[in-house]
Amino acid sequence: MMKLSVMRDFLEQVALNPDSTLIDGLLNQWGYDKGTVSFIRASNNFIFKFSQAGKHYILRLTDTEKVSQRDIESELAFLRYLHANNVCVNIPLKTLAGQEIEVCHTPVGSFYAVVFNYFEGRIYDIDELDETQFEVWGEALGGLHHASASCSSIQRASSFDHLSKSKELLSVQEQAAHKELVRLTHWLEALPKTDANYGLIHFDFELDNLIWNGDRIQIIDFDGSIASWYVADIAFALRDLFNDDIDLSNKHFLAFIKGYRKKMDVSQQDLSQIPMFFRLHNLETFITLQMAMDIEEGNSQKNPQWIMDLLHKLERKAEQYRESFA
């Protein structure tokens, strides 16, 4: 998640400012239909939708302070590889000058701009899925892992890199979180790693990043993809299914794994690590929230009510994670 200060300033000065022509000027580099630009959301990135010759596309802006251009280049290389291996992912559209990445300079900072094709379809909530759809969901993830297993030339950050970065970012005052970090580091270092269970993963294969067109799953948002254990992707995908009650005999979980195994094998030993990967995800999310909450209480002139409401929501979530580390 981005810093709340960046979200606030960009939305007010650019995305939701009717007088700003910055996005239109940026999209001239790709070509677009005038009057079709709309703001979609802000989370890890700023997302816009627009049309070119009547066809829909997505513009994504990523803070240059969060990632390097090399990070985005490797992400796009991964997408091209998956697309070439029949995985349904959105791929970048080049500018009129033949570039995939442009740098967008704004009054609130610089951003890497990438345009992707737009997927038609719908996004489901987890309680809307039946067992057959859980199986389709699992098969889609298994297909992604089957394709990525033969992709050895693309370098992405690993789970170990994430833990190392977490140690740097975590405040010394968060003693329980530091102890959890030590426990998870020791566990991860001892975890068996082979070509069969480790490779490039999506890292956030939850339903928000899947667009369904009938039974065909279209996958978006690969900016967080990393090198890790394949079972981590299973755990992260299904975290809303389990919440705090992890039941590996759950019928929806079993349907997901049945679908996954149509494309990719996964051992029971690896599946038994899911609770630990949940803990890893919780720790990393806690640190992400800490980094995002960079605005101060009490400045009502600078901080509109919506950003304060979001801050309080994130503070409550962070406290829940903090309590789980004790």
C-alpha atoms as a PDB file:
ATOM      1  CA  MET A   1       0.000   0.000   0.000  1.00  0.00           C
ATOM      2  CA  MET A   2       1.206   3.529  -0.776  1.00  0.00           C
ATOM      3  CA  LYS A   3       1.774   6.241   1.812  1.00  0.00           C
ATOM      4  CA  LEU A   4      -1.433   7.990   2.806  1.00  0.00           C
ATOM      5  CA  SER A   5       0.209  11.379   2.242  1.00  0.00           C
ATOM      6  CA  VAL A   6       0.941  10.453  -1.385  1.00  0.00           C
ATOM      7  CA  MET A   7      -2.596   9.141  -1.862  1.00  0.00           C
ATOM      8  CA  ARG A   8      -4.100  12.307  -0.384  1.00  0.00           C
ATOM      9  CA  ASP A   9      -1.970  14.740  -2.368  1.00  0.00           C
ATOM     10  CA  PHE A  10      -2.213  12.927  -5.709  1.00  0.00           C
ATOM     11  CA  LEU A  11      -5.978  12.507  -5.512  1.00  0.00           C
ATOM     12  CA  GLU A  12      -6.549  16.124  -4.536  1.00  0.00           C
ATOM     13  CA  GLN A  13      -4.066  17.717  -6.939  1.00  0.00           C
ATOM     14  CA  VAL A  14      -4.221  15.353  -9.921  1.00  0.00           C
ATOM     15  CA  ALA A  15      -6.663  12.446 -10.100  1.00  0.00           C
ATOM     16  CA  LEU A  16      -9.756  14.198  -8.745  1.00  0.00           C
ATOM     17  CA  ASN A  17      -8.799  17.731  -9.728  1.00  0.00           C
ATOM     18  CA  PRO A  18     -11.015  18.815 -12.644  1.00  0.00           C
ATOM     19  CA  ASP A  19      -8.466  21.463 -13.616  1.00  0.00           C
ATOM     20  CA  SER A  20      -5.561  19.027 -13.948  1.00  0.00           C
ATOM     21  CA  THR A  21      -4.586  18.010 -17.478  1.00  0.00           C
ATOM     22  CA  LEU A  22      -1.620  15.912 -16.389  1.00  0.00           C
ATOM     23  CA  ILE A  23      -3.127  12.483 -17.082  1.00  0.00           C
ATOM     24  CA  ASP A  24      -4.435  13.564 -20.483  1.00  0.00           C
ATOM     25  CA  GLY A  25      -1.003  14.901 -21.373  1.00  0.00           C
ATOM     26  CA  LEU A  26       0.610  11.659 -20.266  1.00  0.00           C
ATOM     27  CA  LEU A  27      -1.775   9.514 -22.310  1.00  0.00           C
ATOM     28  CA  ASN A  28      -0.897  11.447 -25.455  1.00  0.00           C
ATOM     29  CA  GLN A  29       2.216   9.273 -25.502  1.00  0.00           C
ATOM     30  CA  TRP A  30       0.021   6.213 -26.144  1.00  0.00           C
ATOM     31  CA  GLY A  31      -2.819   7.940 -27.951  1.00  0.00           C
ATOM     32  CA  TYR A  32      -6.316   7.948 -26.447  1.00  0.00           C
ATOM     33  CA  ASP A  33      -9.910   8.952 -27.093  1.00  0.00           C
ATOM     34  CA  LYS A  34     -10.585  12.371 -25.574  1.00  0.00           C
ATOM     35  CA  GLY A  35     -13.083  12.394 -22.737  1.00  0.00           C
ATOM     36  CA  THR A  36     -12.715   8.695 -21.880  1.00  0.00           C
ATOM     37  CA  VAL A  37     -10.320   8.938 -18.925  1.00  0.00           C
ATOM     38  CA  SER A  38     -11.701   7.933 -15.517  1.00  0.00           C
ATOM     39  CA  PHE A  39     -10.033   7.333 -12.157  1.00  0.00           C
ATOM     40  CA  ILE A  40     -10.575   3.791 -10.820  1.00  0.00           C
ATOM     41  CA  ARG A  41      -8.746   3.329  -7.513  1.00  0.00           C
ATOM     42  CA  ALA A  42      -5.700   3.963  -5.353  1.00  0.00           C
ATOM     43  CA  SER A  43      -3.976   1.280  -3.284  1.00  0.00           C
ATOM     44  CA  ASN A  44      -0.483   0.133  -4.211  1.00  0.00           C
ATOM     45  CA  ASN A  45      -0.789   2.199  -7.385  1.00  0.00           C
ATOM     46  CA  PHE A  46      -3.061   4.757  -8.993  1.00  0.00           C
ATOM     47  CA  ILE A  47      -5.294   3.157 -11.623  1.00  0.00           C
ATOM     48  CA  PHE A  48      -7.100   4.906 -14.490  1.00  0.00           C
ATOM     49  CA  LYS A  49      -9.257   3.562 -17.295  1.00  0.00           C
ATOM     50  CA  PHE A  50      -9.360   5.042 -20.800  1.00  0.00           C
ATOM     51  CA  SER A  51     -10.144   4.148 -24.388  1.00  0.00           C
ATOM     52  CA  GLN A  52      -8.063   4.144 -27.546  1.00  0.00           C
ATOM     53  CA  ALA A  53      -9.924   3.729 -30.828  1.00  0.00           C
ATOM     54  CA  GLY A  54     -12.909   2.497 -28.817  1.00  0.00           C
ATOM     55  CA  LYS A  55     -10.930  -0.201 -26.982  1.00  0.00           C
ATOM     56  CA  HIS A  56     -10.480  -0.051 -23.200  1.00  0.00           C
ATOM     57  CA  TYR A  57      -7.104   0.086 -21.445  1.00  0.00           C
ATOM     58  CA  ILE A  58      -5.718   0.566 -17.935  1.00  0.00           C
ATOM     59  CA  LEU A  59      -3.114   3.173 -16.968  1.00  0.00           C
ATOM     60  CA  ARG A  60      -1.126   2.310 -13.841  1.00  0.00           C
ATOM     61  CA  LEU A  61       1.042   4.819 -11.997  1.00  0.00           C
ATOM     62  CA  THR A  62       3.579   3.561  -9.434  1.00  0.00           C
ATOM     63  CA  ASP A  63       5.548   5.787  -7.082  1.00  0.00           C
ATOM     64  CA  THR A  64       9.220   5.839  -8.120  1.00  0.00           C
ATOM     65  CA  GLU A  65      10.172   5.926  -4.428  1.00  0.00           C
ATOM     66  CA  LYS A  66       8.553   2.500  -3.914  1.00  0.00           C
ATOM     67  CA  VAL A  67      10.046   0.547  -6.809  1.00  0.00           C
ATOM     68  CA  SER A  68      12.835   0.808  -9.352  1.00  0.00           C
ATOM     69  CA  GLN A  69      12.444   0.763 -13.108  1.00  0.00           C
ATOM     70  CA  ARG A  70      14.265  -2.576 -13.091  1.00  0.00           C
ATOM     71  CA  ASP A  71      11.516  -3.974 -10.840  1.00  0.00           C
ATOM     72  CA  ILE A  72       8.869  -2.981 -13.350  1.00  0.00           C
ATOM     73  CA  GLU A  73      10.913  -4.244 -16.280  1.00  0.00           C
ATOM     74  CA  SER A  74      11.188  -7.691 -14.669  1.00  0.00           C
ATOM     75  CA  GLU A  75       7.448  -7.666 -13.879  1.00  0.00           C
ATOM     76  CA  LEU A  76       6.627  -6.928 -17.520  1.00  0.00           C
ATOM     77  CA  ALA A  77       9.067  -9.612 -18.679  1.00  0.00           C
ATOM     78  CA  PHE A  78       7.279 -12.098 -16.414  1.00  0.00           C
ATOM     79  CA  LEU A  79       3.909 -11.071 -17.875  1.00  0.00           C
ATOM     80  CA  ARG A  80       5.165 -11.503 -21.428  1.00  0.00           C
ATOM     81  CA  TYR A  81       6.537 -14.934 -20.528  1.00  0.00           C
ATOM     82  CA  LEU A  82       3.257 -16.061 -18.956  1.00  0.00           C
ATOM     83  CA  HIS A  83       1.246 -14.718 -21.890  1.00  0.00           C
ATOM     84  CA  ALA A  84       3.477 -16.653 -24.300  1.00  0.00           C
ATOM     85  CA  ASN A  85       2.775 -19.775 -22.226  1.00  0.00           C
ATOM     86  CA  ASN A  86      -1.002 -19.441 -22.432  1.00  0.00           C
ATOM     87  CA  VAL A  87      -1.629 -17.871 -19.020  1.00  0.00           C
ATOM     88  CA  CYS A  88      -4.343 -15.211 -19.256  1.00  0.00           C
ATOM     89  CA  VAL A  89      -2.620 -12.063 -17.985  1.00  0.00           C
ATOM     90  CA  ASN A  90      -2.823  -8.464 -19.093  1.00  0.00           C
ATOM     91  CA  ILE A  91       0.186  -7.311 -21.088  1.00  0.00           C
ATOM     92  CA  PRO A  92       1.670  -3.847 -21.603  1.00  0.00           C
ATOM     93  CA  LEU A  93       0.816  -1.590 -24.509  1.00  0.00           C
ATOM     94  CA  LYS A  94       3.773   0.299 -25.963  1.00  0.00           C
ATOM     95  CA  THR A  95       3.743   4.055 -26.446  1.00  0.00           C
ATOM     96  CA  LEU A  96       3.712   5.578 -29.914  1.00  0.00           C
ATOM     97  CA  ALA A  97       7.503   5.802 -29.510  1.00  0.00           C
ATOM     98  CA  GLY A  98       7.779   2.084 -28.721  1.00  0.00           C
ATOM     99  CA  GLN A  99       8.336   2.297 -24.942  1.00  0.00           C
ATOM    100  CA  GLU A 100       6.614   0.172 -22.285  1.00  0.00           C
ATOM    101  CA  ILE A 101       7.445   2.427 -19.334  1.00  0.00           C
ATOM    102  CA  GLU A 102       7.278   6.204 -19.078  1.00  0.00           C
ATOM    103  CA  VAL A 103       8.118   8.455 -16.138  1.00  0.00           C
ATOM    104  CA  CYS A 104       5.343  10.837 -15.135  1.00  0.00           C
ATOM    105  CA  HIS A 105       6.403  13.905 -13.163  1.00  0.00           C
ATOM    106  CA  THR A 106       3.676  15.458 -11.007  1.00  0.00           C
ATOM    107  CA  PRO A 107       3.464  18.163  -8.319  1.00  0.00           C
ATOM    108  CA  VAL A 108       3.495  15.398  -5.682  1.00  0.00           C
ATOM    109  CA  GLY A 109       6.308  13.236  -7.026  1.00  0.00           C
ATOM    110  CA  SER A 110       7.302  11.048  -9.951  1.00  0.00           C
ATOM    111  CA  PHE A 111       5.597   7.858 -11.069  1.00  0.00           C
ATOM    112  CA  TYR A 112       6.303   5.030 -13.490  1.00  0.00           C
ATOM    113  CA  ALA A 113       3.475   4.834 -16.020  1.00  0.00           C
ATOM    114  CA  VAL A 114       2.487   1.581 -17.740  1.00  0.00           C
ATOM    115  CA  VAL A 115      -0.593   0.872 -19.863  1.00  0.00           C
ATOM    116  CA  PHE A 116      -2.217  -2.580 -19.907  1.00  0.00           C
ATOM    117  CA  ASN A 117      -5.045  -4.100 -21.889  1.00  0.00           C
ATOM    118  CA  TYR A 118      -8.364  -4.073 -20.044  1.00  0.00           C
ATOM    119  CA  PHE A 119     -10.191  -7.273 -19.100  1.00  0.00           C
ATOM    120  CA  GLU A 120     -13.976  -7.412 -19.354  1.00  0.00           C
ATOM    121  CA  GLY A 121     -15.729  -9.571 -16.775  1.00  0.00           C
ATOM    122  CA  ARG A 122     -16.577  -9.568 -13.095  1.00  0.00           C
ATOM    123  CA  ILE A 123     -14.855  -9.907  -9.736  1.00  0.00           C
ATOM    124  CA  TYR A 124     -16.411 -12.272  -7.190  1.00  0.00           C
ATOM    125  CA  ASP A 125     -16.570 -12.130  -3.421  1.00  0.00           C
ATOM    126  CA  ILE A 126     -15.460 -15.364  -1.807  1.00  0.00           C
ATOM    127  CA  ASP A 127     -18.927 -16.175  -0.431  1.00  0.00           C
ATOM    128  CA  GLU A 128     -20.319 -16.081  -3.979  1.00  0.00           C
ATOM    129  CA  LEU A 129     -18.206 -19.030  -5.166  1.00  0.00           C
ATOM    130  CA  ASP A 130     -19.419 -22.610  -5.257  1.00  0.00           C
ATOM    131  CA  GLU A 131     -17.147 -25.655  -5.075  1.00  0.00           C
ATOM    132  CA  THR A 132     -16.804 -25.842  -8.848  1.00  0.00           C
ATOM    133  CA  GLN A 133     -15.578 -22.255  -8.979  1.00  0.00           C
ATOM    134  CA  PHE A 134     -13.091 -22.916  -6.170  1.00  0.00           C
ATOM    135  CA  GLU A 135     -11.770 -25.749  -8.311  1.00  0.00           C
ATOM    136  CA  VAL A 136     -11.499 -23.435 -11.341  1.00  0.00           C
ATOM    137  CA  TRP A 137      -9.704 -20.867  -9.158  1.00  0.00           C
ATOM    138  CA  GLY A 138      -7.214 -23.476  -7.972  1.00  0.00           C
ATOM    139  CA  GLU A 139      -6.643 -24.735 -11.500  1.00  0.00           C
ATOM    140  CA  ALA A 140      -5.839 -21.192 -12.639  1.00  0.00           C
ATOM    141  CA  LEU A 141      -3.175 -20.853  -9.937  1.00  0.00           C
ATOM    142  CA  GLY A 142      -1.780 -24.289 -10.733  1.00  0.00           C
ATOM    143  CA  GLY A 143      -1.559 -23.297 -14.388  1.00  0.00           C
ATOM    144  CA  LEU A 144       0.310 -20.122 -13.494  1.00  0.00           C
ATOM    145  CA  HIS A 145       2.820 -22.058 -11.367  1.00  0.00           C
ATOM    146  CA  HIS A 146       3.227 -24.734 -14.029  1.00  0.00           C
ATOM    147  CA  ALA A 147       4.194 -22.019 -16.510  1.00  0.00           C
ATOM    148  CA  SER A 148       6.433 -20.085 -14.120  1.00  0.00           C
ATOM    149  CA  ALA A 149       8.296 -23.259 -13.074  1.00  0.00           C
ATOM    150  CA  SER A 150      10.241 -23.180 -16.345  1.00  0.00           C
ATOM    151  CA  CYS A 151      10.974 -19.453 -16.108  1.00  0.00           C
ATOM    152  CA  SER A 152      14.517 -19.171 -14.767  1.00  0.00           C
ATOM    153  CA  SER A 153      15.792 -16.041 -16.503  1.00  0.00           C
ATOM    154  CA  ILE A 154      13.629 -13.441 -14.729  1.00  0.00           C
ATOM    155  CA  GLN A 155      14.908 -12.122 -11.412  1.00  0.00           C
ATOM    156  CA  ARG A 156      12.424 -10.970  -8.768  1.00  0.00           C
ATOM    157  CA  ALA A 157      12.811 -10.238  -5.060  1.00  0.00           C
ATOM    158  CA  SER A 158      12.410 -13.281  -2.799  1.00  0.00           C
ATOM    159  CA  SER A 159      10.705 -13.971   0.513  1.00  0.00           C
ATOM    160  CA  PHE A 160      14.144 -13.696   2.112  1.00  0.00           C
ATOM    161  CA  ASP A 161      14.566 -10.244   0.593  1.00  0.00           C
ATOM    162  CA  HIS A 162      11.193  -9.273   2.041  1.00  0.00           C
ATOM    163  CA  LEU A 163      12.220 -10.442   5.511  1.00  0.00           C
ATOM    164  CA  SER A 164      15.494  -8.575   5.288  1.00  0.00           C
ATOM    165  CA  LYS A 165      13.641  -5.413   4.271  1.00  0.00           C
ATOM    166  CA  SER A 166      11.118  -5.970   7.048  1.00  0.00           C
ATOM    167  CA  LYS A 167      13.928  -6.004   9.608  1.00  0.00           C
ATOM    168  CA  GLU A 168      15.130  -2.633   8.296  1.00  0.00           C
ATOM    169  CA  LEU A 169      11.687  -1.038   8.366  1.00  0.00           C
ATOM    170  CA  LEU A 170      10.301  -2.423  11.617  1.00  0.00           C
ATOM    171  CA  SER A 171      10.416   0.045  14.495  1.00  0.00           C
ATOM    172  CA  VAL A 172      12.524  -1.040  17.483  1.00  0.00           C
ATOM    173  CA  GLN A 173       9.478  -0.300  19.655  1.00  0.00           C
ATOM    174  CA  GLU A 174       7.561  -3.168  18.023  1.00  0.00           C
ATOM    175  CA  GLN A 175       9.175  -5.839  20.192  1.00  0.00           C
ATOM    176  CA  ALA A 176       6.520  -8.539  19.637  1.00  0.00           C
ATOM    177  CA  ALA A 177       6.745  -8.054  15.871  1.00  0.00           C
ATOM    178  CA  HIS A 178      10.546  -8.331  16.029  1.00  0.00           C
ATOM    179  CA  LYS A 179      10.259 -11.633  17.898  1.00  0.00           C
ATOM    180  CA  GLU A 180       7.807 -12.873  15.271  1.00  0.00           C
ATOM    181  CA  LEU A 181      10.242 -11.802  12.560  1.00  0.00           C
ATOM    182  CA  VAL A 182      13.016 -13.876  14.174  1.00  0.00           C
ATOM    183  CA  ARG A 183      10.739 -16.914  14.461  1.00  0.00           C
ATOM    184  CA  LEU A 184       9.620 -16.648  10.843  1.00  0.00           C
ATOM    185  CA  THR A 185      13.167 -16.153   9.587  1.00  0.00           C
ATOM    186  CA  HIS A 186      14.344 -19.329  11.318  1.00  0.00           C
ATOM    187  CA  TRP A 187      11.332 -21.242   9.973  1.00  0.00           C
ATOM    188  CA  LEU A 188      11.837 -20.022   6.409  1.00  0.00           C
ATOM    189  CA  GLU A 189      15.556 -20.803   6.452  1.00  0.00           C
ATOM    190  CA  ALA A 190      14.774 -24.412   7.431  1.00  0.00           C
ATOM    191  CA  LEU A 191      11.999 -24.895   4.893  1.00  0.00           C
ATOM    192  CA  PRO A 192      12.913 -27.373   2.104  1.00  0.00           C
ATOM    193  CA  LYS A 193      13.324 -25.587  -1.220  1.00  0.00           C
ATOM    194  CA  THR A 194      13.355 -27.474  -4.523  1.00  0.00           C
ATOM    195  CA  ASP A 195      12.597 -26.791  -8.172  1.00  0.00           C
ATOM    196  CA  ALA A 196       9.291 -28.575  -7.592  1.00  0.00           C
ATOM    197  CA  ASN A 197       8.021 -26.345  -4.778  1.00  0.00           C
ATOM    198  CA  TYR A 198       9.747 -22.984  -5.301  1.00  0.00           C
ATOM    199  CA  GLY A 199       9.681 -20.417  -8.094  1.00  0.00           C
ATOM    200  CA  LEU A 200       8.037 -17.191  -9.244  1.00  0.00           C
ATOM    201  CA  ILE A 201       4.623 -16.627  -7.677  1.00  0.00           C
ATOM    202  CA  HIS A 202       1.911 -13.981  -8.005  1.00  0.00           C
ATOM    203  CA  PHE A 203       1.923 -13.232  -4.247  1.00  0.00           C
ATOM    204  CA  ASP A 204      -1.638 -11.836  -4.219  1.00  0.00           C
ATOM    205  CA  PHE A 205      -3.818 -14.332  -6.098  1.00  0.00           C
ATOM    206  CA  GLU A 206      -6.950 -13.353  -4.207  1.00  0.00           C
ATOM    207  CA  LEU A 207     -10.268 -12.678  -5.887  1.00  0.00           C
ATOM    208  CA  ASP A 208      -9.703  -8.911  -6.165  1.00  0.00           C
ATOM    209  CA  ASN A 209      -7.021  -9.661  -8.742  1.00  0.00           C
ATOM    210  CA  LEU A 210      -9.035 -12.156 -10.783  1.00  0.00           C
ATOM    211  CA  ILE A 211     -11.523 -11.096 -13.435  1.00  0.00           C
ATOM    212  CA  TRP A 212     -13.887 -13.877 -14.443  1.00  0.00           C
ATOM    213  CA  ASN A 213     -15.293 -14.146 -17.941  1.00  0.00           C
ATOM    214  CA  GLY A 214     -17.523 -17.162 -17.548  1.00  0.00           C
ATOM    215  CA  ASP A 215     -15.198 -19.908 -16.255  1.00  0.00           C
ATOM    216  CA  ARG A 216     -12.130 -18.204 -17.704  1.00  0.00           C
ATOM    217  CA  ILE A 217      -9.977 -16.445 -15.113  1.00  0.00           C
ATOM    218  CA  GLN A 218      -8.041 -13.375 -16.198  1.00  0.00           C
ATOM    219  CA  ILE A 219      -5.203 -12.430 -13.825  1.00  0.00           C
ATOM    220  CA  ILE A 220      -4.094  -8.879 -13.016  1.00  0.00           C
ATOM    221  CA  ASP A 221      -1.709  -7.067 -10.643  1.00  0.00           C
ATOM    222  CA  PHE A 222       1.650  -8.804 -10.861  1.00  0.00           C
ATOM    223  CA  ASP A 223       3.628  -5.894  -9.405  1.00  0.00           C
ATOM    224  CA  GLY A 224       4.089  -7.807  -6.138  1.00  0.00           C
ATOM    225  CA  SER A 225       5.239 -11.058  -7.760  1.00  0.00           C
ATOM    226  CA  ILE A 226       8.239 -12.622  -6.026  1.00  0.00           C
ATOM    227  CA  ALA A 227      10.353 -15.770  -5.838  1.00  0.00           C
ATOM    228  CA  SER A 228       8.945 -17.972  -3.081  1.00  0.00           C
ATOM    229  CA  TRP A 229       7.298 -21.288  -2.292  1.00  0.00           C
ATOM    230  CA  TYR A 230       4.329 -22.105  -4.483  1.00  0.00           C
ATOM    231  CA  VAL A 231       2.283 -22.993  -1.425  1.00  0.00           C
ATOM    232  CA  ALA A 232       2.664 -19.391  -0.256  1.00  0.00           C
ATOM    233  CA  ASP A 233       0.512 -18.352  -3.212  1.00  0.00           C
ATOM    234  CA  ILE A 234      -2.118 -20.882  -2.144  1.00  0.00           C
ATOM    235  CA  ALA A 235      -2.086 -19.532   1.409  1.00  0.00           C
ATOM    236  CA  PHE A 236      -2.228 -15.883   0.394  1.00  0.00           C
ATOM    237  CA  ALA A 237      -5.009 -16.558  -2.124  1.00  0.00           C
ATOM    238  CA  LEU A 238      -7.235 -18.282   0.435  1.00  0.00           C
ATOM    239  CA  ARG A 239      -6.679 -16.106   3.492  1.00  0.00           C
ATOM    240  CA  ASP A 240     -10.275 -14.761   3.324  1.00  0.00           C
ATOM    241  CA  LEU A 241     -11.571 -18.333   3.345  1.00  0.00           C
ATOM    242  CA  PHE A 242      -9.941 -19.144   6.669  1.00  0.00           C
ATOM    243  CA  ASN A 243      -9.486 -15.871   8.532  1.00  0.00           C
ATOM    244  CA  ASP A 244      -8.370 -17.047  12.005  1.00  0.00           C
ATOM    245  CA  ASP A 245      -9.751 -20.593  11.684  1.00  0.00           C
ATOM    246  CA  ILE A 246      -7.453 -22.601   9.418  1.00  0.00           C
ATOM    247  CA  ASP A 247      -9.155 -25.840   8.425  1.00  0.00           C
ATOM    248  CA  LEU A 248      -7.352 -27.810   5.729  1.00  0.00           C
ATOM    249  CA  SER A 249     -10.308 -30.197   5.537  1.00  0.00           C
ATOM    250  CA  ASN A 250     -12.644 -27.377   4.473  1.00  0.00           C
ATOM    251  CA  LYS A 251     -14.569 -28.499   1.381  1.00  0.00           C
ATOM    252  CA  HIS A 252     -13.812 -25.287  -0.503  1.00  0.00           C
ATOM    253  CA  PHE A 253     -10.120 -25.606   0.271  1.00  0.00           C
ATOM    254  CA  LEU A 254     -10.137 -29.203  -0.948  1.00  0.00           C
ATOM    255  CA  ALA A 255     -11.902 -28.147  -4.150  1.00  0.00           C
ATOM    256  CA  PHE A 256      -9.253 -25.475  -4.713  1.00  0.00           C
ATOM    257  CA  ILE A 257      -6.442 -28.005  -4.226  1.00  0.00           C
ATOM    258  CA  LYS A 258      -8.190 -30.497  -6.506  1.00  0.00           C
ATOM    259  CA  GLY A 259      -8.176 -27.880  -9.243  1.00  0.00           C
ATOM    260  CA  TYR A 260      -4.594 -26.866  -8.491  1.00  0.00           C
ATOM    261  CA  ARG A 261      -3.373 -30.448  -8.819  1.00  0.00           C
ATOM    262  CA  LYS A 262      -4.818 -30.670 -12.321  1.00  0.00           C
ATOM    263  CA  LYS A 263      -1.921 -28.442 -13.377  1.00  0.00           C
ATOM    264  CA  MET A 264       0.696 -28.627 -10.625  1.00  0.00           C
ATOM    265  CA  ASP A 265       1.574 -31.050  -7.855  1.00  0.00           C
ATOM    266  CA  VAL A 266       1.717 -29.939  -4.242  1.00  0.00           C
ATOM    267  CA  SER A 267       2.629 -32.198  -1.330  1.00  0.00           C
ATOM    268  CA  GLN A 268       0.764 -32.495   1.943  1.00  0.00           C
ATOM    269  CA  GLN A 269       4.003 -31.502   3.656  1.00  0.00           C
ATOM    270  CA  ASP A 270       3.980 -28.203   1.759  1.00  0.00           C
ATOM    271  CA  LEU A 271       0.275 -27.660   2.460  1.00  0.00           C
ATOM    272  CA  SER A 272       0.946 -28.148   6.169  1.00  0.00           C
ATOM    273  CA  GLN A 273       3.024 -24.948   6.057  1.00  0.00           C
ATOM    274  CA  ILE A 274       0.004 -22.779   5.191  1.00  0.00           C
ATOM    275  CA  PRO A 275      -0.528 -21.561   8.797  1.00  0.00           C
ATOM    276  CA  MET A 276       3.077 -20.340   8.915  1.00  0.00           C
ATOM    277  CA  PHE A 277       2.693 -18.546   5.591  1.00  0.00           C
ATOM    278  CA  PHE A 278      -0.383 -16.848   7.032  1.00  0.00           C
ATOM    279  CA  ARG A 279       1.789 -15.566   9.863  1.00  0.00           C
ATOM    280  CA  LEU A 280       4.379 -14.377   7.355  1.00  0.00           C
ATOM    281  CA  HIS A 281       1.712 -12.528   5.402  1.00  0.00           C
ATOM    282  CA  ASN A 282       0.353 -10.930   8.582  1.00  0.00           C
ATOM    283  CA  LEU A 283       3.785  -9.644   9.564  1.00  0.00           C
ATOM    284  CA  GLU A 284       4.511  -8.197   6.135  1.00  0.00           C
ATOM    285  CA  THR A 285       1.079  -6.577   5.990  1.00  0.00           C
ATOM    286  CA  PHE A 286       1.614  -5.072   9.452  1.00  0.00           C
ATOM    287  CA  ILE A 287       4.874  -3.477   8.332  1.00  0.00           C
ATOM    288  CA  THR A 288       3.259  -2.240   5.107  1.00  0.00           C
ATOM    289  CA  LEU A 289       0.546  -0.550   7.161  1.00  0.00           C
ATOM    290  CA  GLN A 290       3.129   1.052   9.429  1.00  0.00           C
ATOM    291  CA  MET A 291       4.870   2.559   6.409  1.00  0.00           C
ATOM    292  CA  ALA A 292       1.594   3.768   4.891  1.00  0.00           C
ATOM    293  CA  MET A 293       0.334   5.607   7.972  1.00  0.00           C
ATOM    294  CA  ASP A 294       2.499   8.707   7.596  1.00  0.00           C
ATOM    295  CA  ILE A 295      -0.044  11.453   8.278  1.00  0.00           C
ATOM    296  CA  GLU A 296      -0.702  13.152  11.604  1.00  0.00           C
ATOM    297  CA  GLU A 297      -3.900  13.491  13.603  1.00  0.00           C
ATOM    298  CA  GLY A 298      -5.447  16.883  14.212  1.00  0.00           C
ATOM    299  CA  ASN A 299      -4.606  18.740  11.006  1.00  0.00           C
ATOM    300  CA  SER A 300      -8.144  18.983   9.592  1.00  0.00           C
ATOM    301  CA  GLN A 301      -7.189  21.640   7.046  1.00  0.00           C
ATOM    302  CA  LYS A 302      -4.588  19.424   5.400  1.00  0.00           C
ATOM    303  CA  ASN A 303      -6.239  16.058   6.015  1.00  0.00           C
ATOM    304  CA  PRO A 304      -9.803  15.683   4.695  1.00  0.00           C
ATOM    305  CA  GLN A 305     -12.212  13.460   6.583  1.00  0.00           C
ATOM    306  CA  TRP A 306     -11.919  10.558   4.112  1.00  0.00           C
ATOM    307  CA  ILE A 307      -8.169  10.228   4.677  1.00  0.00           C
ATOM    308  CA  MET A 308      -8.614  10.378   8.465  1.00  0.00           C
ATOM    309  CA  ASP A 309     -11.284   7.676   8.266  1.00  0.00           C
ATOM    310  CA  LEU A 310      -8.889   5.540   6.250  1.00  0.00           C
ATOM    311  CA  LEU A 311      -6.084   6.189   8.737  1.00  0.00           C
ATOM    312  CA  HIS A 312      -8.259   5.057  11.648  1.00  0.00           C
ATOM    313  CA  LYS A 313      -9.288   1.931   9.731  1.00  0.00           C
ATOM    314  CA  LEU A 314      -5.645   1.046   9.086  1.00  0.00           C
ATOM    315  CA  GLU A 315      -4.727   1.754  12.723  1.00  0.00           C
ATOM    316  CA  ARG A 316      -7.382  -0.709  13.905  1.00  0.00           C
ATOM    317  CA  LYS A 317      -6.152  -3.318  11.449  1.00  0.00           C
ATOM    318  CA  ALA A 318      -2.531  -2.811  12.508  1.00  0.00           C
ATOM    319  CA  GLU A 319      -3.505  -3.240  16.156  1.00  0.00           C
ATOM    320  CA  GLN A 320      -5.161  -6.574  15.358  1.00  0.00           C
ATOM    321  CA  TYR A 321      -1.931  -7.771  13.763  1.00  0.00           C
ATOM    322  CA  ARG A 322       0.108  -6.459  16.699  1.00  0.00           C
ATOM    323  CA  GLU A 323      -2.024  -8.413  19.151  1.00  0.00           C
ATOM    324  CA  SER A 324      -1.547 -11.605  17.121  1.00  0.00           C
ATOM    325  CA  PHE A 325       2.232 -11.387  17.539  1.00  0.00           C
ATOM    326  CA  ALA A 326       2.094 -11.434  21.329  1.00  0.00           C
END
